[in-house]
Amino acid sequence: MTDQPKQIGGGRKMFGDFAPKLAELTDDVLFEDVWNRSELSARDRSLITVAMLAAGGNTEQLGFHLGRAVENGVTQEELIEAITHVTLYAGWPKGMSAMGVAMQLFTDNK
């Protein structure tokens, strides 16, 4: 899985002056280390991340990660199916909220 694009975080860009340690951890640990480990592809990591964010009701981070998932090769149809699947395990309100984020993202980008 070494031919995948390098995953880069945006912590410093987003919070560098305001919360430098959080920015550092985001960029250097989460993305530079964890996201670029070879044991899982970036595509698989994206699908897992979207499922976890949807299951946890973390819709404020979901839009970014849906876009990242598409960049990493996950199709819109696969993301919709993943959110549908998560809905039945994590709860209807969380799934409906996550699908709303996906619908807004995918219909605004057409």
C-alpha atoms as a PDB file:
ATOM      1  CA  MET A   1       0.000   0.000   0.000  1.00  0.00           C
ATOM      2  CA  THR A   2       2.930   2.311  -0.483  1.00  0.00           C
ATOM      3  CA  ASP A   3       1.623   3.869  -3.694  1.00  0.00           C
ATOM      4  CA  GLN A   4      -1.163   5.799  -1.965  1.00  0.00           C
ATOM      5  CA  PRO A   5      -1.072   9.587  -1.711  1.00  0.00           C
ATOM      6  CA  LYS A   6       0.501  10.959   1.453  1.00  0.00           C
ATOM      7  CA  GLN A   7      -2.125  12.148   3.912  1.00  0.00           C
ATOM      8  CA  ILE A   8      -1.558  15.671   5.228  1.00  0.00           C
ATOM      9  CA  GLY A   9      -3.381  17.334   8.102  1.00  0.00           C
ATOM     10  CA  GLY A  10      -4.491  20.926   8.364  1.00  0.00           C
ATOM     11  CA  GLY A  11      -4.127  21.477  12.084  1.00  0.00           C
ATOM     12  CA  ARG A  12      -1.518  24.207  11.893  1.00  0.00           C
ATOM     13  CA  LYS A  13      -3.432  26.024   9.188  1.00  0.00           C
ATOM     14  CA  MET A  14      -6.644  25.811  11.185  1.00  0.00           C
ATOM     15  CA  PHE A  15      -5.483  26.321  14.795  1.00  0.00           C
ATOM     16  CA  GLY A  16      -1.739  26.993  14.655  1.00  0.00           C
ATOM     17  CA  ASP A  17      -1.763  30.369  16.414  1.00  0.00           C
ATOM     18  CA  PHE A  18      -4.733  29.668  18.678  1.00  0.00           C
ATOM     19  CA  ALA A  19      -4.011  26.104  19.844  1.00  0.00           C
ATOM     20  CA  PRO A  20      -0.504  25.192  18.713  1.00  0.00           C
ATOM     21  CA  LYS A  21      -0.254  21.890  20.604  1.00  0.00           C
ATOM     22  CA  LEU A  22      -3.538  20.598  19.181  1.00  0.00           C
ATOM     23  CA  ALA A  23      -2.369  21.682  15.730  1.00  0.00           C
ATOM     24  CA  GLU A  24       0.938  19.857  16.230  1.00  0.00           C
ATOM     25  CA  LEU A  25      -0.760  16.647  17.403  1.00  0.00           C
ATOM     26  CA  THR A  26      -3.209  16.773  14.516  1.00  0.00           C
ATOM     27  CA  ASP A  27      -0.542  17.223  11.867  1.00  0.00           C
ATOM     28  CA  ASP A  28       2.381  15.258  13.304  1.00  0.00           C
ATOM     29  CA  VAL A  29       0.681  12.373  15.103  1.00  0.00           C
ATOM     30  CA  LEU A  30      -2.761  11.883  13.592  1.00  0.00           C
ATOM     31  CA  PHE A  31      -1.919  12.554   9.960  1.00  0.00           C
ATOM     32  CA  GLU A  32       1.866  12.248   9.552  1.00  0.00           C
ATOM     33  CA  ASP A  33       2.041   9.058  11.625  1.00  0.00           C
ATOM     34  CA  VAL A  34      -1.306   7.273  11.917  1.00  0.00           C
ATOM     35  CA  TRP A  35      -2.904   8.152   8.564  1.00  0.00           C
ATOM     36  CA  ASN A  36       0.265   7.238   6.671  1.00  0.00           C
ATOM     37  CA  ARG A  37       0.889   3.850   8.249  1.00  0.00           C
ATOM     38  CA  SER A  38       1.051   1.111   5.628  1.00  0.00           C
ATOM     39  CA  GLU A  39      -1.102  -1.456   7.459  1.00  0.00           C
ATOM     40  CA  LEU A  40      -4.317   0.092   6.086  1.00  0.00           C
ATOM     41  CA  SER A  41      -4.839   2.055   2.911  1.00  0.00           C
ATOM     42  CA  ALA A  42      -5.916   5.689   3.077  1.00  0.00           C
ATOM     43  CA  ARG A  43      -9.168   4.544   1.431  1.00  0.00           C
ATOM     44  CA  ASP A  44      -9.863   2.092   4.242  1.00  0.00           C
ATOM     45  CA  ARG A  45      -8.913   4.629   6.897  1.00  0.00           C
ATOM     46  CA  SER A  46     -11.293   7.134   5.332  1.00  0.00           C
ATOM     47  CA  LEU A  47     -14.174   4.671   5.302  1.00  0.00           C
ATOM     48  CA  ILE A  48     -13.527   3.753   8.943  1.00  0.00           C
ATOM     49  CA  THR A  49     -13.277   7.419   9.928  1.00  0.00           C
ATOM     50  CA  VAL A  50     -16.552   8.337   8.221  1.00  0.00           C
ATOM     51  CA  ALA A  51     -18.280   5.410   9.923  1.00  0.00           C
ATOM     52  CA  MET A  52     -16.894   6.386  13.338  1.00  0.00           C
ATOM     53  CA  LEU A  53     -17.826  10.047  12.957  1.00  0.00           C
ATOM     54  CA  ALA A  54     -21.333   9.116  11.841  1.00  0.00           C
ATOM     55  CA  ALA A  55     -21.731   6.616  14.689  1.00  0.00           C
ATOM     56  CA  GLY A  56     -20.529   9.164  17.219  1.00  0.00           C
ATOM     57  CA  GLY A  57     -22.752  11.931  15.898  1.00  0.00           C
ATOM     58  CA  ASN A  58     -19.697  14.081  15.106  1.00  0.00           C
ATOM     59  CA  THR A  59     -21.182  15.800  12.084  1.00  0.00           C
ATOM     60  CA  GLU A  60     -19.023  18.922  12.442  1.00  0.00           C
ATOM     61  CA  GLN A  61     -15.995  16.860  11.316  1.00  0.00           C
ATOM     62  CA  LEU A  62     -17.892  14.678   8.870  1.00  0.00           C
ATOM     63  CA  GLY A  63     -17.965  17.061   5.905  1.00  0.00           C
ATOM     64  CA  PHE A  64     -14.178  17.298   5.804  1.00  0.00           C
ATOM     65  CA  HIS A  65     -13.759  13.532   6.075  1.00  0.00           C
ATOM     66  CA  LEU A  66     -16.376  12.776   3.423  1.00  0.00           C
ATOM     67  CA  GLY A  67     -14.382  14.960   1.049  1.00  0.00           C
ATOM     68  CA  ARG A  68     -11.140  13.302   2.112  1.00  0.00           C
ATOM     69  CA  ALA A  69     -12.733   9.887   1.573  1.00  0.00           C
ATOM     70  CA  VAL A  70     -13.644  10.773  -2.004  1.00  0.00           C
ATOM     71  CA  GLU A  71     -10.062  11.998  -2.565  1.00  0.00           C
ATOM     72  CA  ASN A  72      -8.881   8.632  -1.212  1.00  0.00           C
ATOM     73  CA  GLY A  73     -11.017   6.631  -3.654  1.00  0.00           C
ATOM     74  CA  VAL A  74     -14.245   5.939  -1.741  1.00  0.00           C
ATOM     75  CA  THR A  75     -17.243   6.499  -3.991  1.00  0.00           C
ATOM     76  CA  GLN A  76     -20.286   8.559  -3.110  1.00  0.00           C
ATOM     77  CA  GLU A  77     -22.400   5.403  -3.319  1.00  0.00           C
ATOM     78  CA  GLU A  78     -20.102   3.573  -0.885  1.00  0.00           C
ATOM     79  CA  LEU A  79     -20.245   6.468   1.571  1.00  0.00           C
ATOM     80  CA  ILE A  80     -24.045   6.584   1.424  1.00  0.00           C
ATOM     81  CA  GLU A  81     -24.153   2.828   1.990  1.00  0.00           C
ATOM     82  CA  ALA A  82     -21.713   3.062   4.903  1.00  0.00           C
ATOM     83  CA  ILE A  83     -23.804   5.760   6.589  1.00  0.00           C
ATOM     84  CA  THR A  84     -26.971   3.719   5.986  1.00  0.00           C
ATOM     85  CA  HIS A  85     -25.300   0.697   7.589  1.00  0.00           C
ATOM     86  CA  VAL A  86     -24.049   2.731  10.557  1.00  0.00           C
ATOM     87  CA  THR A  87     -27.529   4.167  11.105  1.00  0.00           C
ATOM     88  CA  LEU A  88     -28.934   0.773  12.055  1.00  0.00           C
ATOM     89  CA  TYR A  89     -26.176   0.147  14.602  1.00  0.00           C
ATOM     90  CA  ALA A  90     -25.502   3.611  16.013  1.00  0.00           C
ATOM     91  CA  GLY A  91     -28.973   5.075  16.050  1.00  0.00           C
ATOM     92  CA  TRP A  92     -31.413   6.710  13.704  1.00  0.00           C
ATOM     93  CA  PRO A  93     -30.811  10.354  14.712  1.00  0.00           C
ATOM     94  CA  LYS A  94     -27.040  10.040  14.248  1.00  0.00           C
ATOM     95  CA  GLY A  95     -27.443   8.345  10.895  1.00  0.00           C
ATOM     96  CA  MET A  96     -29.991  10.851   9.654  1.00  0.00           C
ATOM     97  CA  SER A  97     -27.751  13.746  10.720  1.00  0.00           C
ATOM     98  CA  ALA A  98     -24.743  12.170   9.004  1.00  0.00           C
ATOM     99  CA  MET A  99     -26.741  11.540   5.829  1.00  0.00           C
ATOM    100  CA  GLY A 100     -27.840  15.173   5.865  1.00  0.00           C
ATOM    101  CA  VAL A 101     -24.189  16.251   5.857  1.00  0.00           C
ATOM    102  CA  ALA A 102     -23.433  13.838   3.008  1.00  0.00           C
ATOM    103  CA  MET A 103     -26.444  14.981   0.999  1.00  0.00           C
ATOM    104  CA  GLN A 104     -25.490  18.632   1.389  1.00  0.00           C
ATOM    105  CA  LEU A 105     -21.880  17.945   0.415  1.00  0.00           C
ATOM    106  CA  PHE A 106     -22.670  15.748  -2.567  1.00  0.00           C
ATOM    107  CA  THR A 107     -25.537  17.830  -3.933  1.00  0.00           C
ATOM    108  CA  ASP A 108     -23.666  21.149  -3.489  1.00  0.00           C
ATOM    109  CA  ASN A 109     -20.692  19.761  -5.448  1.00  0.00           C
ATOM    110  CA  LYS A 110     -22.695  18.688  -8.505  1.00  0.00           C
END
